[in-house]
Protein backbone atom coordinates (compact mmCIF):
# COMPACT_ATOMS: atom_id res chain seq x y z
CA MET A 1 18.75 -5.30 -7.41
CA PRO A 2 20.50 -3.70 -4.75
CA VAL A 3 20.35 -4.80 -0.95
CA ALA A 4 21.21 -1.98 1.43
CA ALA A 5 21.16 -1.13 4.93
CA LEU A 6 19.00 0.36 5.93
CA ASN A 7 16.80 1.82 9.26
CA GLY A 8 17.49 -1.37 10.57
CA ILE A 9 17.64 -4.01 7.77
CA ASN A 10 18.40 -4.85 4.62
CA LEU A 11 16.26 -3.14 1.90
CA ASN A 12 15.84 -4.32 -1.60
CA TYR A 13 15.76 -0.86 -3.79
CA HIS A 14 15.62 -0.96 -7.20
CA VAL A 15 16.51 3.12 -9.59
CA GLU A 16 16.01 3.76 -12.55
CA GLY A 17 16.17 6.41 -14.86
CA GLU A 18 17.32 10.56 -15.21
CA GLY A 19 15.50 13.74 -13.42
CA ASP A 20 13.45 14.39 -10.59
CA LEU A 21 13.25 11.49 -7.86
CA VAL A 22 9.76 9.18 -7.48
CA VAL A 23 9.89 6.69 -5.22
CA LEU A 24 6.88 4.08 -5.11
CA VAL A 25 5.14 2.51 -2.61
CA MET A 26 3.75 -1.11 -2.52
CA GLY A 27 0.44 -2.35 -1.17
CA THR A 28 0.30 -4.91 1.42
CA GLY A 29 1.60 -8.51 0.14
CA SER A 30 2.96 -8.15 -2.96
CA PRO A 31 6.64 -6.08 -4.64
CA GLY A 32 7.99 -2.93 -5.56
CA ARG A 33 8.41 -5.10 -9.43
CA VAL A 34 4.61 -5.17 -9.80
CA TRP A 35 5.14 -0.85 -10.63
CA HIS A 36 7.28 -1.94 -13.37
CA ALA A 37 4.56 -2.87 -15.84
CA HIS A 38 3.02 0.16 -15.96
CA GLN A 39 3.81 3.47 -13.90
CA VAL A 40 8.32 3.00 -14.15
CA PRO A 41 7.77 3.24 -17.80
CA ALA A 42 5.86 5.98 -17.66
CA LEU A 43 7.47 8.05 -15.15
CA ARG A 44 10.38 7.23 -16.54
CA ALA A 45 9.51 8.87 -19.97
CA ALA A 46 7.96 11.55 -18.54
CA GLY A 47 11.98 12.67 -17.33
CA PHE A 48 11.60 11.22 -14.04
CA ARG A 49 14.09 9.16 -11.87
CA VAL A 50 12.10 6.41 -10.23
CA ALA A 51 13.14 4.03 -7.72
CA THR A 52 10.64 1.18 -6.11
CA PHE A 53 11.44 -1.11 -3.55
CA ASP A 54 10.20 -3.66 -1.58
CA ASN A 55 8.61 -3.14 1.86
CA ARG A 56 9.40 -4.93 4.84
CA GLY A 57 7.68 -7.94 5.05
CA ILE A 58 8.79 -8.16 1.40
CA PRO A 59 11.86 -10.77 0.12
CA PRO A 60 14.91 -10.51 0.04
CA THR A 61 14.26 -6.99 2.11
CA ASP A 62 13.94 -8.50 5.79
CA GLU A 63 10.88 -10.61 6.43
CA CYS A 64 10.54 -8.97 10.14
CA ALA A 65 7.67 -12.35 10.43
CA SER A 66 7.88 -10.85 14.79
CA GLY A 67 6.01 -7.85 13.37
CA MET A 68 5.86 -4.71 12.84
CA VAL A 69 4.58 -0.80 12.98
CA ILE A 70 3.68 1.61 10.16
CA GLU A 71 6.11 4.35 11.85
CA ASP A 72 8.23 0.82 10.13
CA LEU A 73 7.12 1.06 6.64
CA VAL A 74 7.13 5.15 6.87
CA GLY A 75 11.64 5.12 8.79
CA ASP A 76 11.65 2.31 6.26
CA THR A 77 10.53 4.93 3.12
CA ALA A 78 11.84 8.19 4.43
CA ALA A 79 15.86 6.20 4.70
CA LEU A 80 15.62 4.88 1.37
CA ILE A 81 14.43 8.45 -0.06
CA LYS A 82 18.00 10.04 2.20
CA THR A 83 20.25 7.78 0.99
CA LEU A 84 19.18 8.35 -3.01
CA GLY A 85 19.11 12.11 -2.28
CA GLY A 86 17.75 13.19 0.23
CA ARG A 87 13.42 14.59 -1.63
CA ALA A 88 11.41 12.89 -4.12
CA HIS A 89 7.63 12.71 -4.91
CA VAL A 90 6.01 9.65 -2.90
CA VAL A 91 3.31 7.92 -4.34
CA GLY A 92 2.00 5.39 -2.38
CA THR A 93 -1.60 2.23 -2.93
CA SER A 94 -3.60 0.71 -0.11
CA LEU A 95 -0.96 0.14 2.62
CA GLY A 96 2.21 2.45 0.59
CA ALA A 97 -0.57 5.39 0.53
CA ARG A 98 -0.26 5.39 4.73
CA VAL A 99 2.54 5.18 4.36
CA VAL A 100 3.02 7.85 2.40
CA GLN A 101 0.77 10.15 4.76
CA GLU A 102 2.41 9.68 7.55
CA LEU A 103 5.89 10.51 5.53
CA ALA A 104 4.25 13.65 4.03
CA LEU A 105 3.13 14.39 8.35
CA ALA A 106 6.57 13.11 9.55
CA HIS A 107 9.02 14.15 7.07
CA PRO A 108 7.91 16.70 5.08
CA GLU A 109 11.07 17.68 4.15
CA LEU A 110 11.46 14.69 2.41
CA VAL A 111 8.25 14.85 0.31
CA ASP A 112 7.75 17.33 -2.68
CA LYS A 113 4.91 16.32 -3.55
CA ALA A 114 2.21 13.13 -2.62
CA VAL A 115 0.18 10.76 -4.25
CA LEU A 116 -2.51 8.59 -2.74
CA LEU A 117 -4.05 5.18 -4.22
CA ALA A 118 -6.39 4.01 -2.80
CA THR A 119 -6.01 5.32 0.67
CA ALA A 120 -8.41 6.07 3.85
CA GLY A 121 -7.09 7.31 7.31
CA ARG A 122 -9.56 5.01 9.06
CA ASN A 123 -11.27 2.35 9.10
CA ASP A 124 -14.64 0.83 8.30
CA PRO A 125 -16.72 -2.03 9.08
CA LEU A 126 -16.38 -3.83 6.33
CA GLN A 127 -12.66 -3.07 5.16
CA THR A 128 -12.42 -4.46 8.96
CA ALA A 129 -14.60 -7.92 7.95
CA LEU A 130 -12.09 -8.88 5.23
CA SER A 131 -8.62 -8.30 7.07
CA ARG A 132 -10.36 -10.48 10.07
CA GLY A 133 -10.95 -12.64 7.47
CA GLU A 134 -8.51 -13.01 5.40
CA ARG A 135 -5.97 -13.15 8.48
CA ALA A 136 -8.45 -15.51 10.21
CA LEU A 137 -7.52 -18.65 7.39
CA HIS A 138 -4.14 -17.86 7.48
CA ASP A 139 -4.32 -18.35 11.07
CA GLN A 140 -5.98 -21.55 11.03
CA GLY A 141 -4.54 -22.93 8.07
CA ILE A 142 -7.13 -23.04 6.18
CA THR A 143 -6.52 -22.62 2.47
CA LEU A 144 -8.38 -22.40 -0.55
CA PRO A 145 -8.94 -24.00 -3.65
CA GLY A 146 -7.56 -22.06 -5.95
CA ARG A 147 -9.64 -21.48 -8.98
CA TYR A 148 -11.62 -20.22 -5.87
CA TYR A 149 -8.99 -18.03 -4.60
CA ALA A 150 -8.82 -16.51 -7.98
CA ALA A 151 -12.26 -16.07 -8.21
CA VAL A 152 -12.89 -14.35 -5.44
CA SER A 153 -9.55 -11.76 -5.32
CA ALA A 154 -10.08 -11.22 -8.37
CA VAL A 155 -14.11 -9.84 -6.86
CA LEU A 156 -12.45 -8.27 -4.61
CA ASN A 157 -9.86 -5.95 -6.09
CA LEU A 158 -10.97 -5.42 -9.81
CA SER A 159 -14.18 -3.41 -11.16
CA PRO A 160 -17.01 -5.09 -13.56
CA ALA A 161 -15.53 -3.71 -16.56
CA THR A 162 -12.52 -5.80 -16.17
CA LEU A 163 -14.34 -8.89 -14.99
CA ARG A 164 -16.60 -8.16 -18.72
CA GLY A 165 -13.25 -7.93 -20.36
CA ASP A 166 -11.48 -11.07 -22.58
CA GLY A 167 -8.54 -10.02 -20.19
CA VAL A 168 -10.51 -11.83 -16.66
CA GLY A 169 -8.69 -14.96 -18.12
CA ASP A 170 -5.60 -14.28 -17.60
CA TRP A 171 -6.66 -11.74 -14.29
CA LEU A 172 -7.80 -15.84 -13.11
CA ASP A 173 -4.66 -17.31 -13.71
CA VAL A 174 -2.97 -14.54 -12.42
CA PHE A 175 -4.53 -14.70 -9.28
CA GLU A 176 -4.19 -18.93 -8.89
CA PHE A 177 -0.37 -18.60 -9.53
CA SER A 178 -0.21 -16.15 -6.34
CA GLY A 179 -2.28 -18.62 -4.25
CA SER A 180 -4.26 -17.90 -0.74
CA THR A 181 -0.71 -18.65 1.36
CA ILE A 182 1.38 -16.61 2.50
CA SER A 183 4.98 -15.74 3.94
CA LYS A 184 4.67 -15.17 7.24
CA GLY A 185 6.27 -11.51 6.29
CA VAL A 186 3.13 -10.22 4.72
CA ARG A 187 1.21 -11.77 7.30
CA ALA A 188 3.31 -9.21 9.12
CA GLN A 189 2.65 -6.59 7.22
CA MET A 190 -1.83 -7.56 7.31
CA GLY A 191 -1.42 -7.15 11.22
CA MET A 192 -1.09 -3.20 10.38
CA ASP A 193 -4.57 -3.03 8.64
CA GLU A 194 -6.51 -2.24 12.19
CA HIS A 195 -5.71 0.75 13.06
CA GLU A 196 -6.51 4.10 14.25
CA ASP A 197 -8.13 6.99 12.79
CA ARG A 198 -5.61 9.42 11.26
CA LEU A 199 -8.62 11.91 9.72
CA PRO A 200 -7.29 14.78 12.75
CA ALA A 201 -4.19 14.34 11.98
CA TYR A 202 -3.92 14.81 8.53
CA ARG A 203 -4.86 17.85 8.95
CA GLY A 204 -1.72 18.89 9.25
CA ILE A 205 -0.18 17.77 5.91
CA ARG A 206 1.44 20.47 4.07
CA VAL A 207 2.38 18.51 1.60
CA PRO A 208 1.00 19.13 -2.35
CA CYS A 209 -1.41 16.02 -2.11
CA LEU A 210 -3.04 14.33 -5.32
CA VAL A 211 -5.57 11.49 -3.66
CA VAL A 212 -7.27 9.15 -6.21
CA GLY A 213 -10.53 7.05 -5.75
CA PHE A 214 -11.24 3.89 -7.98
CA ALA A 215 -14.60 4.19 -8.13
CA ASP A 216 -16.10 0.47 -8.25
CA ASP A 217 -12.62 0.09 -5.41
CA ARG A 218 -14.64 -3.26 -2.99
CA VAL A 219 -11.45 -3.39 -0.70
CA LEU A 220 -10.94 0.77 -0.50
CA PRO A 221 -14.15 2.58 -2.11
CA PRO A 222 -13.87 5.65 -2.97
CA HIS A 223 -15.71 7.54 -0.25
CA LEU A 224 -12.69 6.69 1.78
CA ALA A 225 -10.04 8.81 -0.17
CA ARG A 226 -12.05 11.78 -0.51
CA GLU A 227 -11.68 11.46 3.45
CA VAL A 228 -8.28 11.59 2.89
CA ALA A 229 -8.52 14.41 0.12
CA ASP A 230 -11.01 16.37 2.09
CA ALA A 231 -8.89 15.83 5.45
CA ILE A 232 -5.84 17.46 3.48
CA PRO A 233 -5.47 21.08 3.38
CA GLY A 234 -5.17 22.06 -0.52
CA ALA A 235 -5.76 18.66 -1.71
CA ARG A 236 -6.58 17.96 -4.19
CA TYR A 237 -8.95 14.49 -5.39
CA GLU A 238 -9.69 12.81 -8.68
CA GLU A 239 -11.49 9.36 -9.38
CA VAL A 240 -10.50 6.09 -12.28
CA ALA A 241 -14.06 4.96 -13.62
CA ASP A 242 -13.71 1.30 -14.56
CA ALA A 243 -11.02 0.36 -12.37
CA GLY A 244 -10.88 -1.41 -8.53
CA HIS A 245 -8.71 -1.05 -6.24
CA TYR A 246 -5.82 -2.26 -8.72
CA GLY A 247 -6.50 -0.04 -10.62
CA TYR A 248 -2.72 1.92 -11.32
CA LEU A 249 -2.96 -2.07 -13.48
CA GLU A 250 -6.73 -2.47 -14.78
CA ARG A 251 -6.28 1.82 -16.11
CA PRO A 252 -3.12 2.63 -16.29
CA ALA A 253 -3.21 5.79 -19.18
CA ALA A 254 -5.76 7.56 -16.90
CA VAL A 255 -3.47 6.63 -13.18
CA ASN A 256 -0.53 7.25 -15.40
CA ARG A 257 -1.81 10.42 -17.07
CA LEU A 258 -2.93 12.10 -13.27
CA LEU A 259 0.61 10.62 -12.31
CA VAL A 260 2.94 12.94 -14.46
CA ASP A 261 0.23 15.94 -14.78
CA PHE A 262 0.67 16.25 -11.08
CA LEU A 263 3.68 16.10 -10.73
CA ARG A 264 5.14 17.96 -13.85
CA SER A 265 3.25 20.80 -12.57
């Protein structure tokens, strides 16, 4: 994976496939390679060139532990698109969806179509409380017992349908392996969790948008995603059943079908 000097930082990215470019923007704390489990193969098979990258805060991209704002991540994504050809379809999830929303508003000339997964345009009390609690755990040096942290992460991020399934033990193993300790770069990303209400601004987006809510998302409930779709003129809203905040990993076939159909339309 090349590391390029873009927008004042060293950005780690990966490109594969042929065709129109799709850039995938990941959420808080996760590397770009998470997209390679399901979305990259599906998009490549559909005839797209696909770029993934590690947001600032995620090594080997610069950690920027002193802090960052959403405009920094928007600038990083814009610089990558310019490097790779100057225009792209852009897909984001969670924090990545916020980046894509702001990119579509600030740089519409770079965005053909935008897909926003598990997104929001404002904070709500529950989301704010969860974010503040996660930051407090880190700032106070509190490390949760591994299996308990795994269970809490599963309940917050996965659908009850997934939790009832045979693979829940595998999910718990993954969450336990990742652990509750976070890096300084991820802590810097978490500092962007609280933000002003951007729904009025999103009325100015003119890029074709698909907004996807996950029916069982506890981190960013689907009504917040629907608000974003309602704010963006002409945006299409779809909701995936039996999916939590990680719906693109839980229900990849349904999510990939929405992505490909929209980007091809």
